[in-house]
């Protein structure tokens, strides 16, 4: 037996296993070298001893030929960043990061955010190797902040994992440490109607036809419009249309929409609590108790009224009460959590694990609820989930965007053990799923569960250009047009002396 054959036997291989097929557009010798180095890292091949004194380098390189890749990852460089804008959730931008090897990655600027949050970062990432995800993230994270201001950083981070997965020919969840589940449970909003009878039909469709096993509903004081003696001090905050517009009047800093919860002095009367309880009672009677029901969007009032509302709803055994007050009021969340049996959650507007820690360390919430498009992207959100797990806290994921951020969330959910459910906010948009194509032929969603790509690299999707071009935002019909005006960096960004 030759030395080469003996070494192959030690590795458990045969000579026929060593036939090397070079990666596309990559010289054979270079592929041998790179494949060997990668295999040595993944498979534990020792670089020493007999190897240093035997002429079998090429054979060792050939033993790694089954490590399939679509590029030369160490030579990847970012060459461009472009975007298009969809009308999903009013206005949601998709970005594309291109590289020197034809591989590109998809990301999403959070719903309602400006694509310029991402374009601003282009000059900071051009020329970088996209597989250095954490390095690039640390380079640009100073330019993100809470809620929509994090949209650019998170969009770039999503796109980097998509590229990295494609380069190494593995799904994004594998790069995060592996998967805990093969399908991802979703929660969907309860459809509303003008009559209880029609609403019952819509909810039964949601459960029986569409297969959702978890629902969420709004229990907003805005629903008390026209019902006398249900609110104290509500009229003062109504807009010209007589509405408590939680999302309107964004340019008026003195409007109800922009008034922080403790500063409205709106109170809910006992009659108002009865009316809101009746809304929940109606849905609970339709779906029964096997289906978890979460609640959200209560309006802008203080934590004392939040406790009163929570107590009024306790008998319905809700899955959680979401964002009763602004997330930064940790001490108020502690008081609410101590006062109520129903789980308390917040987090969709929090950027980075650093700002989740006070809520988790002080046991202020029962469920962490990040939105991956605001929290820092896939890896940072997994870190949030892992830290919450150490504190005995579960994690659900908020998501209200296109299939791009949806799939980024799916990969993160698969890789995080304490995950509960992922929001799907566009169930009733008929063209939403068709904005993308899965690269492995799977359906995006089956009966209330997202299907995890088990082998498709990266995020496991590509854009369906024909459909996407039909659904561009009316205010911006450009489609991944050149963005050369964002190529030049003009500032010194370091934040320390």
Protein backbone atom coordinates (compact mmCIF):
# COMPACT_ATOMS: atom_id res chain seq x y z
CA UNK A 1 0.00 0.00 0.00
CA UNK A 2 1.42 3.41 -1.01
CA UNK A 3 1.75 6.29 1.48
CA UNK A 4 -1.06 8.03 -0.35
CA UNK A 5 -3.36 5.00 -0.02
CA UNK A 6 -2.48 4.66 3.68
CA UNK A 7 -3.41 8.29 4.28
CA UNK A 8 -6.68 7.90 2.43
CA UNK A 9 -7.44 4.82 4.54
CA UNK A 10 -6.79 6.86 7.68
CA UNK A 11 -9.32 9.42 6.45
CA UNK A 12 -11.82 6.67 5.65
CA UNK A 13 -11.75 7.44 1.92
CA UNK A 14 -11.09 5.56 -1.28
CA UNK A 15 -9.13 6.73 -4.28
CA UNK A 16 -12.36 7.07 -6.29
CA UNK A 17 -13.59 9.57 -3.69
CA UNK A 18 -10.83 12.02 -4.56
CA UNK A 19 -11.93 13.07 -8.05
CA UNK A 20 -12.05 16.84 -7.90
CA UNK A 21 -14.63 18.96 -9.70
CA UNK A 22 -13.52 22.60 -9.63
CA UNK A 23 -15.98 25.23 -8.42
CA UNK A 24 -17.51 27.35 -11.21
CA UNK A 25 -15.16 29.95 -12.68
CA UNK A 26 -12.38 28.93 -10.31
CA UNK A 27 -8.95 27.44 -11.23
CA UNK A 28 -8.57 23.82 -10.19
CA UNK A 29 -5.40 24.27 -8.18
CA UNK A 30 -6.83 27.23 -6.29
CA UNK A 31 -10.00 25.26 -5.58
CA UNK A 32 -7.88 22.39 -4.20
CA UNK A 33 -6.09 24.72 -1.83
CA UNK A 34 -9.24 26.47 -0.64
CA UNK A 35 -11.22 23.25 -0.32
CA UNK A 36 -8.49 21.70 1.78
CA UNK A 37 -8.30 24.69 4.10
CA UNK A 38 -12.06 24.72 4.54
CA UNK A 39 -12.20 20.97 5.13
CA UNK A 40 -9.41 21.18 7.65
CA UNK A 41 -11.44 23.70 9.61
CA UNK A 42 -14.76 21.85 9.33
CA UNK A 43 -13.58 18.29 9.57
CA UNK A 44 -10.61 18.50 11.88
CA UNK A 45 -7.85 17.33 9.54
CA UNK A 46 -4.54 17.82 11.37
CA UNK A 47 -1.97 20.00 9.63
CA UNK A 48 1.26 18.52 10.86
CA UNK A 49 3.20 15.35 11.49
CA UNK A 50 3.42 13.03 8.50
CA UNK A 51 1.67 15.60 6.27
CA UNK A 52 4.64 17.94 6.47
CA UNK A 53 7.00 15.22 5.23
CA UNK A 54 4.93 13.41 2.62
CA UNK A 55 4.17 14.44 -0.98
CA UNK A 56 0.40 14.11 -0.72
CA UNK A 57 -0.79 17.71 -0.49
CA UNK A 58 -2.84 17.39 -3.61
CA UNK A 59 -4.48 14.20 -2.42
CA UNK A 60 -5.45 15.81 0.88
CA UNK A 61 -6.93 18.73 -1.01
CA UNK A 62 -8.89 16.33 -3.18
CA UNK A 63 -10.42 14.65 -0.13
CA UNK A 64 -12.38 17.84 0.44
CA UNK A 65 -13.99 17.85 -2.97
CA UNK A 66 -17.47 17.24 -1.54
CA UNK A 67 -17.47 20.69 0.11
CA UNK A 68 -19.61 22.38 -2.52
CA UNK A 69 -19.49 26.15 -2.93
CA UNK A 70 -20.72 28.63 -5.49
CA UNK A 71 -17.76 31.01 -5.30
CA UNK A 72 -14.36 31.72 -3.80
CA UNK A 73 -15.59 33.24 -0.51
CA UNK A 74 -12.26 34.72 0.58
CA UNK A 75 -12.10 36.74 -2.64
CA UNK A 76 -15.62 38.18 -2.51
CA UNK A 77 -15.97 41.96 -2.57
CA UNK A 78 -19.05 44.19 -2.33
CA UNK A 79 -19.42 46.20 -5.52
CA UNK A 80 -22.87 47.82 -5.35
CA UNK A 81 -26.04 48.45 -3.35
CA UNK A 82 -29.36 49.18 -5.08
CA UNK A 83 -33.03 49.17 -4.11
CA UNK A 84 -36.66 49.17 -5.10
CA UNK A 85 -39.71 50.22 -3.06
CA UNK A 86 -42.87 48.15 -2.60
CA UNK A 87 -46.27 49.26 -1.24
CA UNK A 88 -46.23 46.53 1.45
CA UNK A 89 -47.33 48.08 4.78
CA UNK A 90 -47.57 51.42 3.02
CA UNK A 91 -43.94 51.59 1.99
CA UNK A 92 -41.21 48.95 2.33
CA UNK A 93 -37.89 48.96 0.45
CA UNK A 94 -35.94 45.90 -0.69
CA UNK A 95 -32.18 46.27 -1.18
CA UNK A 96 -29.76 44.21 -3.25
CA UNK A 97 -26.03 44.02 -2.48
CA UNK A 98 -23.91 42.91 -5.46
CA UNK A 99 -20.45 41.36 -5.47
CA UNK A 100 -17.53 40.85 -7.83
CA UNK A 101 -18.47 37.18 -8.35
CA UNK A 102 -22.06 37.58 -9.49
CA UNK A 103 -23.52 36.56 -6.13
CA UNK A 104 -25.95 39.05 -4.63
CA UNK A 105 -27.88 39.26 -1.39
CA UNK A 106 -31.36 40.55 -0.54
CA UNK A 107 -32.28 42.65 2.47
CA UNK A 108 -35.18 44.81 3.56
CA UNK A 109 -35.46 48.24 5.13
CA UNK A 110 -38.17 47.93 7.76
CA UNK A 111 -41.78 48.73 6.87
CA UNK A 112 -42.41 52.46 6.82
CA UNK A 113 -38.71 53.36 6.83
CA UNK A 114 -36.75 55.37 4.27
CA UNK A 115 -34.47 53.46 1.91
CA UNK A 116 -31.88 56.19 2.46
CA UNK A 117 -31.12 54.61 5.82
CA UNK A 118 -29.53 51.81 3.75
CA UNK A 119 -28.15 53.93 0.91
CA UNK A 120 -26.21 55.99 3.44
CA UNK A 121 -24.25 52.85 4.33
CA UNK A 122 -23.17 52.02 0.79
CA UNK A 123 -19.93 54.01 0.93
CA UNK A 124 -19.07 52.27 4.21
CA UNK A 125 -19.30 48.74 2.83
CA UNK A 126 -18.03 48.98 -0.76
CA UNK A 127 -14.96 46.78 -1.20
CA UNK A 128 -15.60 44.77 1.96
CA UNK A 129 -15.83 40.98 1.95
CA UNK A 130 -19.54 40.31 2.58
CA UNK A 131 -18.75 37.07 4.41
CA UNK A 132 -17.23 39.11 7.23
CA UNK A 133 -20.76 39.73 8.49
CA UNK A 134 -19.97 40.57 12.10
CA UNK A 135 -17.07 42.85 11.17
CA UNK A 136 -19.24 44.85 8.76
CA UNK A 137 -22.11 44.93 11.26
CA UNK A 138 -19.86 46.41 13.93
CA UNK A 139 -18.59 48.92 11.39
CA UNK A 140 -22.08 50.21 10.53
CA UNK A 141 -24.18 49.58 13.65
CA UNK A 142 -23.47 53.10 14.96
CA UNK A 143 -25.65 54.38 12.13
CA UNK A 144 -28.71 52.48 13.36
CA UNK A 145 -31.04 53.35 16.21
CA UNK A 146 -34.41 52.25 17.49
CA UNK A 147 -37.49 51.45 15.38
CA UNK A 148 -37.27 52.45 11.69
CA UNK A 149 -33.92 54.18 12.14
CA UNK A 150 -32.37 50.70 12.36
CA UNK A 151 -33.79 49.76 8.97
CA UNK A 152 -30.65 50.37 6.94
CA UNK A 153 -28.24 48.48 9.18
CA UNK A 154 -30.62 45.52 9.45
CA UNK A 155 -31.25 45.43 5.70
CA UNK A 156 -27.51 45.25 5.00
CA UNK A 157 -27.02 42.54 7.63
CA UNK A 158 -29.80 40.40 6.08
CA UNK A 159 -28.26 40.74 2.63
CA UNK A 160 -24.80 39.78 3.93
CA UNK A 161 -26.09 36.49 5.37
CA UNK A 162 -27.85 35.81 2.08
CA UNK A 163 -24.57 36.27 0.20
CA UNK A 164 -22.55 34.29 2.74
CA UNK A 165 -24.97 31.36 2.58
CA UNK A 166 -24.84 31.36 -1.20
CA UNK A 167 -21.04 31.55 -1.21
CA UNK A 168 -20.71 28.51 1.05
CA UNK A 169 -23.81 26.80 -0.36
CA UNK A 170 -25.59 26.46 3.00
CA UNK A 171 -28.84 27.93 4.38
CA UNK A 172 -28.56 30.98 6.62
CA UNK A 173 -29.80 29.02 9.63
CA UNK A 174 -26.77 26.73 9.34
CA UNK A 175 -24.45 29.72 9.63
CA UNK A 176 -26.25 30.73 12.83
CA UNK A 177 -25.42 27.41 14.47
CA UNK A 178 -28.00 24.98 13.12
CA UNK A 179 -31.73 24.50 13.42
CA UNK A 180 -34.13 23.50 16.18
CA UNK A 181 -37.16 23.12 13.88
CA UNK A 182 -38.03 22.46 10.25
CA UNK A 183 -41.13 24.66 10.09
CA UNK A 184 -41.96 27.93 11.77
CA UNK A 185 -45.27 28.57 13.51
CA UNK A 186 -46.93 31.80 12.41
CA UNK A 187 -49.44 34.09 14.05
CA UNK A 188 -51.84 36.16 11.98
CA UNK A 189 -54.10 39.11 12.64
CA UNK A 190 -57.79 38.43 13.14
CA UNK A 191 -59.78 39.87 10.23
CA UNK A 192 -62.35 42.49 11.17
CA UNK A 193 -65.82 42.95 9.75
CA UNK A 194 -68.88 45.12 10.09
CA UNK A 195 -70.89 42.33 11.72
CA UNK A 196 -70.16 39.49 14.17
CA UNK A 197 -71.58 36.98 11.68
CA UNK A 198 -69.24 38.07 8.89
CA UNK A 199 -66.29 38.21 11.27
CA UNK A 200 -66.97 34.65 12.37
CA UNK A 201 -66.81 33.49 8.75
CA UNK A 202 -63.51 35.31 8.23
CA UNK A 203 -61.98 33.89 11.39
CA UNK A 204 -63.11 30.38 10.55
CA UNK A 205 -61.44 30.82 7.16
CA UNK A 206 -58.25 31.94 8.93
CA UNK A 207 -58.23 28.83 11.11
CA UNK A 208 -59.82 26.10 9.00
CA UNK A 209 -58.85 27.07 5.44
CA UNK A 210 -55.58 28.92 5.97
CA UNK A 211 -54.47 26.77 8.90
CA UNK A 212 -53.31 29.40 11.38
CA UNK A 213 -53.04 28.15 14.95
CA UNK A 214 -52.25 31.50 16.63
CA UNK A 215 -54.06 34.82 16.19
CA UNK A 216 -53.52 38.42 17.22
CA UNK A 217 -56.05 41.22 17.49
CA UNK A 218 -56.09 44.94 18.23
CA UNK A 219 -57.85 46.10 21.39
CA UNK A 220 -57.57 49.82 20.80
CA UNK A 221 -59.36 52.66 22.54
CA UNK A 222 -59.87 53.98 19.00
CA UNK A 223 -62.64 51.36 18.78
CA UNK A 224 -64.54 53.29 21.46
CA UNK A 225 -65.24 56.13 19.02
CA UNK A 226 -68.83 57.32 19.30
CA UNK A 227 -69.43 55.44 22.54
CA UNK A 228 -70.08 58.00 25.31
CA UNK A 229 -68.59 57.72 28.78
CA UNK A 230 -65.92 55.21 27.74
CA UNK A 231 -62.90 57.53 27.94
CA UNK A 232 -61.73 60.41 30.07
CA UNK A 233 -59.95 63.22 28.20
CA UNK A 234 -60.23 61.47 24.83
CA UNK A 235 -61.92 64.31 22.93
CA UNK A 236 -58.99 66.63 23.54
CA UNK A 237 -56.72 64.36 21.49
CA UNK A 238 -59.01 63.64 18.53
CA UNK A 239 -57.92 64.87 15.11
CA UNK A 240 -60.04 66.84 12.63
CA UNK A 241 -61.84 63.63 11.64
CA UNK A 242 -62.72 62.86 15.22
CA UNK A 243 -60.25 59.95 15.47
CA UNK A 244 -57.58 58.97 17.94
CA UNK A 245 -55.10 58.47 15.09
CA UNK A 246 -52.24 56.45 16.57
CA UNK A 247 -50.36 56.50 13.25
CA UNK A 248 -51.42 59.87 11.80
CA UNK A 249 -50.19 63.45 12.17
CA UNK A 250 -46.56 62.31 12.22
CA UNK A 251 -45.28 65.84 11.51
CA UNK A 252 -47.18 67.37 14.43
CA UNK A 253 -45.11 66.74 17.53
CA UNK A 254 -48.03 67.78 19.77
CA UNK A 255 -50.49 65.30 18.23
CA UNK A 256 -51.94 62.22 19.89
CA UNK A 257 -49.81 60.05 17.58
CA UNK A 258 -46.61 61.60 18.93
CA UNK A 259 -47.65 61.93 22.56
CA UNK A 260 -45.88 59.41 24.79
CA UNK A 261 -48.18 57.24 26.85
CA UNK A 262 -47.68 58.90 30.27
CA UNK A 263 -48.44 62.35 28.85
CA UNK A 264 -51.97 62.01 27.42
CA UNK A 265 -53.87 61.59 30.71
CA UNK A 266 -56.42 59.53 28.82
CA UNK A 267 -58.19 57.09 31.12
CA UNK A 268 -60.48 54.19 30.26
CA UNK A 269 -63.72 54.07 32.24
CA UNK A 270 -65.35 50.89 33.52
CA UNK A 271 -67.79 51.15 30.62
CA UNK A 272 -64.86 51.43 28.23
CA UNK A 273 -63.24 48.36 29.75
CA UNK A 274 -66.50 46.45 29.29
CA UNK A 275 -66.61 47.44 25.62
CA UNK A 276 -63.01 46.35 25.01
CA UNK A 277 -63.60 43.11 26.92
CA UNK A 278 -66.58 42.41 24.67
CA UNK A 279 -64.31 42.64 21.61
CA UNK A 280 -61.99 39.97 23.02
CA UNK A 281 -64.89 37.86 24.27
CA UNK A 282 -66.36 37.80 20.76
CA UNK A 283 -63.15 36.50 19.18
CA UNK A 284 -62.45 34.03 22.00
CA UNK A 285 -65.95 32.57 21.63
CA UNK A 286 -65.28 32.05 17.91
CA UNK A 287 -61.89 30.36 18.15
CA UNK A 288 -62.13 28.56 21.49
CA UNK A 289 -59.23 28.08 23.86
CA UNK A 290 -56.94 25.85 21.79
CA UNK A 291 -55.89 28.84 19.69
CA UNK A 292 -53.66 31.41 21.45
CA UNK A 293 -54.84 35.01 21.08
CA UNK A 294 -52.40 37.89 21.47
CA UNK A 295 -53.43 41.56 21.73
CA UNK A 296 -51.83 44.80 20.57
CA UNK A 297 -52.40 48.50 19.74
CA UNK A 298 -54.28 49.70 22.81
CA UNK A 299 -53.66 53.40 22.31
CA UNK A 300 -51.70 56.01 24.25
CA UNK A 301 -52.53 55.88 27.94
CA UNK A 302 -50.45 55.26 31.05
CA UNK A 303 -49.44 52.00 32.72
CA UNK A 304 -52.11 52.34 35.44
CA UNK A 305 -54.82 52.08 32.82
CA UNK A 306 -52.79 49.32 31.19
CA UNK A 307 -53.02 47.33 34.41
CA UNK A 308 -56.78 47.96 34.63
CA UNK A 309 -57.23 46.78 31.03
CA UNK A 310 -55.01 43.77 31.62
CA UNK A 311 -57.03 42.73 34.65
CA UNK A 312 -60.27 43.10 32.70
CA UNK A 313 -58.93 40.73 30.05
CA UNK A 314 -57.30 38.15 32.35
CA UNK A 315 -60.20 35.70 32.16
CA UNK A 316 -59.62 35.23 28.40
CA UNK A 317 -56.14 33.77 29.02
CA UNK A 318 -54.45 35.84 26.35
CA UNK A 319 -51.08 34.76 24.97
CA UNK A 320 -49.67 38.22 25.65
CA UNK A 321 -50.34 41.93 26.05
CA UNK A 322 -48.04 43.73 23.61
CA UNK A 323 -46.54 47.22 23.90
CA UNK A 324 -48.92 48.60 26.51
CA UNK A 325 -46.52 51.52 27.00
CA UNK A 326 -43.28 52.57 25.29
CA UNK A 327 -40.54 49.95 25.57
CA UNK A 328 -38.03 52.22 27.31
CA UNK A 329 -40.10 52.46 30.52
CA UNK A 330 -38.54 49.42 32.15
CA UNK A 331 -39.77 50.27 35.64
CA UNK A 332 -43.34 50.56 34.40
CA UNK A 333 -43.08 47.18 32.70
CA UNK A 334 -41.88 45.70 35.99
CA UNK A 335 -44.97 47.07 37.74
CA UNK A 336 -47.32 45.78 35.03
CA UNK A 337 -45.67 42.38 34.94
CA UNK A 338 -45.94 42.07 38.72
CA UNK A 339 -49.59 43.13 38.70
CA UNK A 340 -50.83 40.86 35.89
CA UNK A 341 -50.96 37.14 35.24
CA UNK A 342 -51.18 37.57 31.46
CA UNK A 343 -47.70 37.54 29.83
CA UNK A 344 -46.30 40.97 29.00
CA UNK A 345 -44.21 41.63 25.90
CA UNK A 346 -42.47 44.44 24.06
CA UNK A 347 -39.50 44.85 21.74
CA UNK A 348 -40.46 45.43 18.11
CA UNK A 349 -38.83 48.88 18.19
CA UNK A 350 -35.72 47.99 20.21
CA UNK A 351 -32.32 48.11 18.51
CA UNK A 352 -29.62 45.70 19.76
CA UNK A 353 -29.39 43.25 22.63
CA UNK A 354 -27.90 46.03 24.78
CA UNK A 355 -31.31 47.69 25.04
CA UNK A 356 -33.21 44.47 25.66
CA UNK A 357 -31.03 43.62 28.64
CA UNK A 358 -32.66 45.98 31.20
CA UNK A 359 -36.10 44.49 30.46
CA UNK A 360 -34.75 40.94 30.69
CA UNK A 361 -32.46 41.46 33.68
CA UNK A 362 -35.24 43.08 35.72
CA UNK A 363 -37.86 40.46 34.75
CA UNK A 364 -39.98 43.23 33.27
CA UNK A 365 -41.34 41.13 30.41
CA UNK A 366 -42.39 37.52 29.98
CA UNK A 367 -41.77 37.36 26.23
CA UNK A 368 -39.14 39.22 24.18
CA UNK A 369 -40.63 40.47 20.91
CA UNK A 370 -37.95 41.82 18.54
CA UNK A 371 -38.49 42.72 14.90
CA UNK A 372 -35.44 41.46 13.02
CA UNK A 373 -35.63 44.50 10.71
CA UNK A 374 -35.09 46.77 13.73
CA UNK A 375 -33.28 44.65 16.31
CA UNK A 376 -30.01 44.31 14.39
CA UNK A 377 -30.59 41.52 11.88
CA UNK A 378 -30.29 37.74 12.08
CA UNK A 379 -27.30 37.27 14.37
CA UNK A 380 -28.18 40.05 16.82
CA UNK A 381 -31.76 38.78 17.08
CA UNK A 382 -30.53 35.28 17.79
CA UNK A 383 -28.30 36.76 20.50
CA UNK A 384 -31.38 38.47 21.96
CA UNK A 385 -33.25 35.16 21.94
CA UNK A 386 -30.34 33.31 23.53
CA UNK A 387 -29.97 35.91 26.27
CA UNK A 388 -33.72 35.82 26.93
CA UNK A 389 -33.53 32.04 27.19
CA UNK A 390 -30.90 32.35 29.91
CA UNK A 391 -33.34 34.58 31.81
CA UNK A 392 -36.20 32.10 31.42
CA UNK A 393 -37.97 34.29 28.85
CA UNK A 394 -39.44 33.11 25.55
CA UNK A 395 -39.13 34.97 22.24
CA UNK A 396 -41.71 35.72 19.55
CA UNK A 397 -40.84 37.65 16.40
CA UNK A 398 -42.64 40.72 15.07
CA UNK A 399 -42.67 40.98 11.25
CA UNK A 400 -44.70 43.21 8.98
CA UNK A 401 -42.70 43.43 5.76
CA UNK A 402 -42.09 41.68 2.45
CA UNK A 403 -41.10 38.01 2.02
CA UNK A 404 -37.45 39.12 2.32
CA UNK A 405 -37.55 40.09 6.00
CA UNK A 406 -40.07 37.29 6.51
CA UNK A 407 -37.55 34.68 5.35
CA UNK A 408 -34.73 36.30 7.32
CA UNK A 409 -36.96 35.92 10.39
CA UNK A 410 -37.74 32.30 9.48
CA UNK A 411 -34.03 31.41 9.50
CA UNK A 412 -33.49 33.18 12.82
CA UNK A 413 -36.54 31.48 14.35
CA UNK A 414 -35.29 28.07 13.23
CA UNK A 415 -31.94 28.67 14.94
CA UNK A 416 -33.33 29.94 18.27
CA UNK A 417 -34.55 27.42 20.84
CA UNK A 418 -36.97 29.57 22.88
CA UNK A 419 -38.89 30.81 19.82
CA UNK A 420 -42.71 30.79 19.99
CA UNK A 421 -44.25 32.22 16.82
CA UNK A 422 -43.55 34.64 13.96
CA UNK A 423 -45.97 37.35 12.85
CA UNK A 424 -47.37 37.26 9.31
CA UNK A 425 -48.97 40.62 8.67
CA UNK A 426 -49.86 40.26 4.99
CA UNK A 427 -52.09 37.18 4.96
CA UNK A 428 -54.80 38.96 2.99
CA UNK A 429 -52.56 40.44 0.26
CA UNK A 430 -53.00 38.01 -2.66
CA UNK A 431 -49.73 38.85 -4.43
CA UNK A 432 -47.50 39.03 -1.32
CA UNK A 433 -46.06 35.50 -1.50
CA UNK A 434 -45.47 35.76 -5.25
CA UNK A 435 -43.04 38.68 -4.81
CA UNK A 436 -40.37 35.97 -4.46
CA UNK A 437 -39.61 32.48 -5.71
CA UNK A 438 -38.14 29.82 -3.46
CA UNK A 439 -34.88 28.45 -4.85
CA UNK A 440 -35.67 24.87 -3.84
CA UNK A 441 -39.27 24.72 -5.09
CA UNK A 442 -40.92 24.65 -1.65
CA UNK A 443 -44.02 26.66 -0.81
CA UNK A 444 -43.31 29.69 1.32
CA UNK A 445 -46.17 28.91 3.73
CA UNK A 446 -48.25 25.79 4.31
CA UNK A 447 -51.25 25.80 6.65
CA UNK A 448 -50.08 28.45 9.06
CA UNK A 449 -46.41 27.43 9.08
CA UNK A 450 -43.45 28.83 7.16
CA UNK A 451 -41.41 26.13 5.46
CA UNK A 452 -37.72 26.24 6.34
CA UNK A 453 -35.35 25.74 3.39
CA UNK A 454 -33.32 22.70 4.42
CA UNK A 455 -30.77 22.84 1.60
CA UNK A 456 -31.35 26.08 -0.35
CA UNK A 457 -28.41 28.45 0.28
CA UNK A 458 -28.71 31.86 1.90
CA UNK A 459 -32.24 33.01 2.57
CA UNK A 460 -33.54 30.49 0.02
CA UNK A 461 -35.42 32.98 -2.15
CA UNK A 462 -34.98 35.03 -5.29
CA UNK A 463 -37.09 37.98 -6.42
CA UNK A 464 -39.93 37.31 -8.83
CA UNK A 465 -39.13 40.29 -11.03
CA UNK A 466 -42.28 40.13 -13.14
CA UNK A 467 -44.55 40.32 -10.10
CA UNK A 468 -42.37 42.78 -8.18
CA UNK A 469 -42.36 45.23 -11.10
CA UNK A 470 -46.16 45.14 -11.05
CA UNK A 471 -46.17 46.14 -7.39
CA UNK A 472 -43.69 48.98 -7.06
CA UNK A 473 -44.60 51.90 -4.85
CA UNK A 474 -46.45 54.58 -6.86
CA UNK A 475 -44.15 57.24 -5.43
CA UNK A 476 -40.98 55.50 -6.63
CA UNK A 477 -41.14 53.23 -9.67
CA UNK A 478 -37.37 52.82 -10.04
CA UNK A 479 -36.21 49.22 -10.07
CA UNK A 480 -32.69 48.64 -8.75
CA UNK A 481 -31.43 51.70 -10.61
CA UNK A 482 -27.79 52.76 -10.19
CA UNK A 483 -27.04 54.56 -6.92
CA UNK A 484 -23.61 56.01 -7.72
CA UNK A 485 -24.41 59.22 -5.80
CA UNK A 486 -24.03 57.15 -2.61
CA UNK A 487 -20.60 55.71 -3.50
CA UNK A 488 -18.43 58.40 -1.92
CA UNK A 489 -17.73 58.54 1.80
CA UNK A 490 -17.22 62.09 3.04
CA UNK A 491 -16.88 61.79 6.80
CA UNK A 492 -14.67 60.37 9.52
CA UNK A 493 -16.97 57.99 11.36
CA UNK A 494 -15.02 56.84 14.40
CA UNK A 495 -16.93 57.59 17.60
CA UNK A 496 -13.99 57.61 20.02
CA UNK A 497 -10.82 59.70 20.32
